[in-house]
């Protein structure tokens, strides 16, 4: 049985940042730019704190079947919360969006490659 690749996007906002926290986020901003965004098994976070207090955490996991997808979504949310709390950042308005890549339709090039 093949496993399904699951991508989860967790979005939220930093909440009640102190001046020190804001300075730390600004200092590390070059490591968290959207151009470096990737879905990984540990998750990656992107933000532009100079423009707005929002962040996006991208996470990749696998599920054996459709019943395993909620567990991957929960793991992604937990990974985002762990990242934030480990650094002492308060957050609010967390939302998740989960995509099962086996359900994503192939584009023209993908159909051509699949046809052989």
C-alpha atoms as a PDB file:
ATOM      1  CA  UNK A   1       0.000   0.000   0.000  1.00  0.00           C
ATOM      2  CA  UNK A   2       1.368   3.390  -0.907  1.00  0.00           C
ATOM      3  CA  UNK A   3       1.302   6.276   1.518  1.00  0.00           C
ATOM      4  CA  UNK A   4      -0.290   9.618   0.807  1.00  0.00           C
ATOM      5  CA  UNK A   5       1.724  12.816   0.971  1.00  0.00           C
ATOM      6  CA  UNK A   6      -0.102  15.381   3.066  1.00  0.00           C
ATOM      7  CA  UNK A   7       0.723  19.085   3.170  1.00  0.00           C
ATOM      8  CA  UNK A   8      -0.626  21.232   5.970  1.00  0.00           C
ATOM      9  CA  UNK A   9      -0.542  25.008   6.199  1.00  0.00           C
ATOM     10  CA  UNK A  10      -1.044  26.484   9.665  1.00  0.00           C
ATOM     11  CA  UNK A  11      -1.747  30.216   9.667  1.00  0.00           C
ATOM     12  CA  UNK A  12      -2.027  32.559  12.589  1.00  0.00           C
ATOM     13  CA  UNK A  13      -0.907  35.820  14.101  1.00  0.00           C
ATOM     14  CA  UNK A  14       1.689  36.689  16.683  1.00  0.00           C
ATOM     15  CA  UNK A  15      -0.038  38.149  19.736  1.00  0.00           C
ATOM     16  CA  UNK A  16       1.133  40.752  22.241  1.00  0.00           C
ATOM     17  CA  UNK A  17       4.769  40.751  21.150  1.00  0.00           C
ATOM     18  CA  UNK A  18       7.174  42.526  23.450  1.00  0.00           C
ATOM     19  CA  UNK A  19       9.717  44.936  21.989  1.00  0.00           C
ATOM     20  CA  UNK A  20      12.422  42.291  22.548  1.00  0.00           C
ATOM     21  CA  UNK A  21      10.414  39.591  20.758  1.00  0.00           C
ATOM     22  CA  UNK A  22       9.697  41.884  17.836  1.00  0.00           C
ATOM     23  CA  UNK A  23      13.406  42.741  17.603  1.00  0.00           C
ATOM     24  CA  UNK A  24      14.312  39.035  17.662  1.00  0.00           C
ATOM     25  CA  UNK A  25      11.806  38.256  14.896  1.00  0.00           C
ATOM     26  CA  UNK A  26      13.133  41.128  12.800  1.00  0.00           C
ATOM     27  CA  UNK A  27      16.715  39.922  13.333  1.00  0.00           C
ATOM     28  CA  UNK A  28      15.808  36.425  12.092  1.00  0.00           C
ATOM     29  CA  UNK A  29      13.465  37.564   9.317  1.00  0.00           C
ATOM     30  CA  UNK A  30      15.937  36.734   6.548  1.00  0.00           C
ATOM     31  CA  UNK A  31      15.771  33.057   7.614  1.00  0.00           C
ATOM     32  CA  UNK A  32      11.957  33.049   7.407  1.00  0.00           C
ATOM     33  CA  UNK A  33      11.136  34.686   4.080  1.00  0.00           C
ATOM     34  CA  UNK A  34       8.397  33.355   1.851  1.00  0.00           C
ATOM     35  CA  UNK A  35      10.992  32.659  -0.854  1.00  0.00           C
ATOM     36  CA  UNK A  36      12.456  30.023   1.470  1.00  0.00           C
ATOM     37  CA  UNK A  37       9.092  28.426   2.264  1.00  0.00           C
ATOM     38  CA  UNK A  38       9.025  24.652   2.115  1.00  0.00           C
ATOM     39  CA  UNK A  39       6.802  21.849   3.317  1.00  0.00           C
ATOM     40  CA  UNK A  40       9.016  19.701   5.567  1.00  0.00           C
ATOM     41  CA  UNK A  41       8.514  16.987   8.160  1.00  0.00           C
ATOM     42  CA  UNK A  42       9.616  19.391  10.910  1.00  0.00           C
ATOM     43  CA  UNK A  43       7.795  22.385   9.478  1.00  0.00           C
ATOM     44  CA  UNK A  44       9.015  25.786   8.365  1.00  0.00           C
ATOM     45  CA  UNK A  45       7.691  29.166   9.360  1.00  0.00           C
ATOM     46  CA  UNK A  46       7.564  32.311   7.268  1.00  0.00           C
ATOM     47  CA  UNK A  47       6.600  35.829   8.256  1.00  0.00           C
ATOM     48  CA  UNK A  48       7.156  39.479   7.439  1.00  0.00           C
ATOM     49  CA  UNK A  49       6.891  41.039  10.873  1.00  0.00           C
ATOM     50  CA  UNK A  50       7.890  44.454   9.534  1.00  0.00           C
ATOM     51  CA  UNK A  51       4.707  44.520   7.441  1.00  0.00           C
ATOM     52  CA  UNK A  52       2.177  42.532   9.501  1.00  0.00           C
ATOM     53  CA  UNK A  53       1.982  40.220  12.535  1.00  0.00           C
ATOM     54  CA  UNK A  54       0.919  37.105  10.605  1.00  0.00           C
ATOM     55  CA  UNK A  55       2.847  33.867  10.070  1.00  0.00           C
ATOM     56  CA  UNK A  56       2.484  30.726   7.977  1.00  0.00           C
ATOM     57  CA  UNK A  57       3.833  27.369   9.128  1.00  0.00           C
ATOM     58  CA  UNK A  58       4.210  24.696   6.428  1.00  0.00           C
ATOM     59  CA  UNK A  59       4.350  21.020   7.336  1.00  0.00           C
ATOM     60  CA  UNK A  60       4.565  17.781   5.341  1.00  0.00           C
ATOM     61  CA  UNK A  61       3.567  14.342   6.525  1.00  0.00           C
ATOM     62  CA  UNK A  62       2.298  11.043   5.246  1.00  0.00           C
ATOM     63  CA  UNK A  63      -0.820   9.010   5.895  1.00  0.00           C
ATOM     64  CA  UNK A  64      -1.471   5.422   4.934  1.00  0.00           C
ATOM     65  CA  UNK A  65      -5.067   6.220   4.056  1.00  0.00           C
ATOM     66  CA  UNK A  66      -7.730   8.888   4.354  1.00  0.00           C
ATOM     67  CA  UNK A  67      -8.354   8.067   8.023  1.00  0.00           C
ATOM     68  CA  UNK A  68      -4.768   9.119   8.857  1.00  0.00           C
ATOM     69  CA  UNK A  69      -5.117  12.646   7.491  1.00  0.00           C
ATOM     70  CA  UNK A  70      -6.566  14.203  10.684  1.00  0.00           C
ATOM     71  CA  UNK A  71      -3.551  12.902  12.634  1.00  0.00           C
ATOM     72  CA  UNK A  72      -1.175  14.625  10.208  1.00  0.00           C
ATOM     73  CA  UNK A  73      -3.179  17.842  10.542  1.00  0.00           C
ATOM     74  CA  UNK A  74      -2.997  17.612  14.342  1.00  0.00           C
ATOM     75  CA  UNK A  75       0.753  16.942  14.178  1.00  0.00           C
ATOM     76  CA  UNK A  76       1.230  20.029  12.004  1.00  0.00           C
ATOM     77  CA  UNK A  77      -0.700  22.215  14.420  1.00  0.00           C
ATOM     78  CA  UNK A  78       1.275  20.784  17.342  1.00  0.00           C
ATOM     79  CA  UNK A  79       4.576  21.421  15.534  1.00  0.00           C
ATOM     80  CA  UNK A  80       3.588  25.045  14.898  1.00  0.00           C
ATOM     81  CA  UNK A  81       2.556  25.560  18.520  1.00  0.00           C
ATOM     82  CA  UNK A  82       5.779  23.934  19.717  1.00  0.00           C
ATOM     83  CA  UNK A  83       7.862  26.231  17.502  1.00  0.00           C
ATOM     84  CA  UNK A  84       6.056  29.317  18.796  1.00  0.00           C
ATOM     85  CA  UNK A  85       5.985  28.338  22.462  1.00  0.00           C
ATOM     86  CA  UNK A  86       9.638  27.236  22.500  1.00  0.00           C
ATOM     87  CA  UNK A  87      10.513  30.816  21.599  1.00  0.00           C
ATOM     88  CA  UNK A  88       7.991  32.381  23.962  1.00  0.00           C
ATOM     89  CA  UNK A  89       5.733  33.826  21.258  1.00  0.00           C
ATOM     90  CA  UNK A  90       2.048  34.174  22.024  1.00  0.00           C
ATOM     91  CA  UNK A  91      -0.261  33.523  19.083  1.00  0.00           C
ATOM     92  CA  UNK A  92      -3.907  33.714  18.084  1.00  0.00           C
ATOM     93  CA  UNK A  93      -6.328  32.747  15.328  1.00  0.00           C
ATOM     94  CA  UNK A  94      -4.662  29.479  14.294  1.00  0.00           C
ATOM     95  CA  UNK A  95      -6.232  27.866  11.247  1.00  0.00           C
ATOM     96  CA  UNK A  96      -5.176  24.829   9.244  1.00  0.00           C
ATOM     97  CA  UNK A  97      -5.559  23.879   5.626  1.00  0.00           C
ATOM     98  CA  UNK A  98      -4.746  20.314   4.640  1.00  0.00           C
ATOM     99  CA  UNK A  99      -4.044  19.056   1.128  1.00  0.00           C
ATOM    100  CA  UNK A 100      -3.807  15.390   0.184  1.00  0.00           C
ATOM    101  CA  UNK A 101      -1.516  15.473  -2.844  1.00  0.00           C
ATOM    102  CA  UNK A 102      -2.983  12.222  -4.161  1.00  0.00           C
ATOM    103  CA  UNK A 103      -6.220  14.164  -4.697  1.00  0.00           C
ATOM    104  CA  UNK A 104      -4.664  17.073  -6.580  1.00  0.00           C
ATOM    105  CA  UNK A 105      -5.429  16.846 -10.294  1.00  0.00           C
ATOM    106  CA  UNK A 106      -2.491  16.566 -12.622  1.00  0.00           C
ATOM    107  CA  UNK A 107      -1.767  19.499 -14.883  1.00  0.00           C
ATOM    108  CA  UNK A 108      -1.128  19.146 -18.589  1.00  0.00           C
ATOM    109  CA  UNK A 109       2.546  18.278 -18.114  1.00  0.00           C
ATOM    110  CA  UNK A 110       1.756  15.766 -15.345  1.00  0.00           C
ATOM    111  CA  UNK A 111      -0.835  14.011 -17.487  1.00  0.00           C
ATOM    112  CA  UNK A 112       1.656  13.843 -20.363  1.00  0.00           C
ATOM    113  CA  UNK A 113       4.339  12.343 -18.100  1.00  0.00           C
ATOM    114  CA  UNK A 114       1.886   9.872 -16.560  1.00  0.00           C
ATOM    115  CA  UNK A 115       0.823   8.704 -20.003  1.00  0.00           C
ATOM    116  CA  UNK A 116       4.399   7.759 -20.716  1.00  0.00           C
END
